[in-house]
C-alpha atoms as a PDB file:
ATOM      1  CA  MET A   1      -0.309  -0.034   0.287  1.00  0.00           C
ATOM      2  CA  ARG A   2       2.767   2.443   1.124  1.00  0.00           C
ATOM      3  CA  ILE A   3       4.262   1.424  -2.043  1.00  0.00           C
ATOM      4  CA  ASN A   4       1.143   2.568  -4.328  1.00  0.00           C
ATOM      5  CA  LEU A   5       1.231   5.503  -2.062  1.00  0.00           C
ATOM      6  CA  LEU A   6       4.877   6.718  -3.706  1.00  0.00           C
ATOM      7  CA  TYR A   7       3.868   6.196  -6.945  1.00  0.00           C
ATOM      8  CA  ILE A   8       1.261   8.222  -7.046  1.00  0.00           C
ATOM      9  CA  ILE A   9       2.716  11.092  -5.302  1.00  0.00           C
ATOM     10  CA  ALA A  10       5.672  10.292  -7.228  1.00  0.00           C
ATOM     11  CA  LEU A  11       3.294  10.764 -10.693  1.00  0.00           C
ATOM     12  CA  LEU A  12       1.021  13.620  -9.834  1.00  0.00           C
ATOM     13  CA  PRO A  13       3.763  16.255 -11.118  1.00  0.00           C
ATOM     14  CA  ALA A  14       4.495  14.245 -14.643  1.00  0.00           C
ATOM     15  CA  LEU A  15       0.245  13.557 -14.516  1.00  0.00           C
ATOM     16  CA  SER A  16      -0.703  16.988 -14.528  1.00  0.00           C
ATOM     17  CA  SER A  17       0.687  17.935 -17.717  1.00  0.00           C
ATOM     18  CA  MET A  18       0.173  14.860 -19.607  1.00  0.00           C
ATOM     19  CA  GLY A  19      -2.751  13.740 -21.509  1.00  0.00           C
ATOM     20  CA  CYS A  20      -4.996  11.184 -19.648  1.00  0.00           C
ATOM     21  CA  SER A  21      -4.462   8.806 -22.010  1.00  0.00           C
ATOM     22  CA  THR A  22      -0.474   8.601 -21.636  1.00  0.00           C
ATOM     23  CA  ALA A  23      -1.210   9.312 -17.452  1.00  0.00           C
ATOM     24  CA  TYR A  24      -3.481   5.780 -17.671  1.00  0.00           C
ATOM     25  CA  ASP A  25      -0.735   4.174 -19.169  1.00  0.00           C
ATOM     26  CA  MET A  26       1.934   5.107 -16.458  1.00  0.00           C
ATOM     27  CA  MET A  27      -0.504   4.214 -13.725  1.00  0.00           C
ATOM     28  CA  GLU A  28      -1.153   0.941 -16.156  1.00  0.00           C
ATOM     29  CA  ILE A  29       3.068   0.277 -15.675  1.00  0.00           C
ATOM     30  CA  ALA A  30       1.932   0.571 -11.913  1.00  0.00           C
ATOM     31  CA  ARG A  31      -0.795  -1.688 -11.454  1.00  0.00           C
ATOM     32  CA  VAL A  32       0.879  -4.238 -13.357  1.00  0.00           C
ATOM     33  CA  LYS A  33       3.961  -3.977 -11.397  1.00  0.00           C
ATOM     34  CA  ASP A  34       1.627  -4.668  -8.440  1.00  0.00           C
ATOM     35  CA  CYS A  35       0.658  -8.168  -9.925  1.00  0.00           C
ATOM     36  CA  GLU A  36       4.377  -9.120  -9.229  1.00  0.00           C
ATOM     37  CA  SER A  37       3.755 -10.842  -5.841  1.00  0.00           C
ATOM     38  CA  ALA A  38       0.287 -12.776  -7.104  1.00  0.00           C
ATOM     39  CA  TYR A  39       0.939 -16.373  -8.653  1.00  0.00           C
ATOM     40  CA  GLY A  40      -1.038 -18.572 -10.512  1.00  0.00           C
ATOM     41  CA  ALA A  41      -4.699 -18.092 -11.275  1.00  0.00           C
ATOM     42  CA  ASP A  42      -4.520 -14.987  -9.077  1.00  0.00           C
ATOM     43  CA  ARG A  43      -1.511 -13.485 -11.122  1.00  0.00           C
ATOM     44  CA  ALA A  44      -3.147 -14.018 -14.229  1.00  0.00           C
ATOM     45  CA  GLU A  45      -6.695 -12.190 -13.038  1.00  0.00           C
ATOM     46  CA  CYS A  46      -4.680  -9.362 -11.427  1.00  0.00           C
ATOM     47  CA  LEU A  47      -2.671  -8.741 -15.006  1.00  0.00           C
ATOM     48  CA  ASP A  48      -5.827  -8.890 -16.919  1.00  0.00           C
ATOM     49  CA  LEU A  49      -7.112  -6.268 -14.441  1.00  0.00           C
ATOM     50  CA  ALA A  50      -4.216  -4.404 -14.904  1.00  0.00           C
ATOM     51  CA  THR A  51      -3.887  -4.382 -18.644  1.00  0.00           C
ATOM     52  CA  MET A  52      -8.075  -2.920 -19.314  1.00  0.00           C
ATOM     53  CA  PRO A  53      -7.401  -0.570 -22.612  1.00  0.00           C
ATOM     54  CA  TYR A  54      -8.183   2.883 -21.803  1.00  0.00           C
ATOM     55  CA  GLU A  55     -11.374   2.922 -24.221  1.00  0.00           C
ATOM     56  CA  GLU A  56     -13.128   0.317 -21.723  1.00  0.00           C
ATOM     57  CA  TYR A  57     -11.465   1.921 -18.280  1.00  0.00           C
ATOM     58  CA  GLU A  58     -13.130   4.882 -19.916  1.00  0.00           C
ATOM     59  CA  GLN A  59     -16.233   3.009 -20.704  1.00  0.00           C
ATOM     60  CA  GLU A  60     -16.504   1.383 -17.409  1.00  0.00           C
ATOM     61  CA  ARG A  61     -15.995   5.057 -15.871  1.00  0.00           C
ATOM     62  CA  GLU A  62     -18.597   6.896 -17.240  1.00  0.00           C
ATOM     63  CA  ARG A  63     -21.179   3.755 -16.176  1.00  0.00           C
ATOM     64  CA  VAL A  64     -20.200   3.904 -12.574  1.00  0.00           C
ATOM     65  CA  LEU A  65     -20.419   7.804 -12.706  1.00  0.00           C
ATOM     66  CA  GLU A  66     -23.917   7.452 -14.331  1.00  0.00           C
ATOM     67  CA  ARG A  67     -25.248   5.177 -11.738  1.00  0.00           C
ATOM     68  CA  GLU A  68     -23.673   7.871  -8.874  1.00  0.00           C
ATOM     69  CA  GLN A  69     -26.177  10.447 -10.346  1.00  0.00           C
END
């Protein structure tokens, strides 16, 4: 958890000057790195979630935001 927080803090200045897709790609790299400690089926599932295409992420995000309204 602490490592994730450090990644986020380190990425904030860089993300503020980049487009959403590039920021998403950088966060995806961090999520894939977080899967390194998982094994077998857990690792496969973790990697599937970590490598979701940006367009799919954006659609899922829109669905969640619509439900909240």
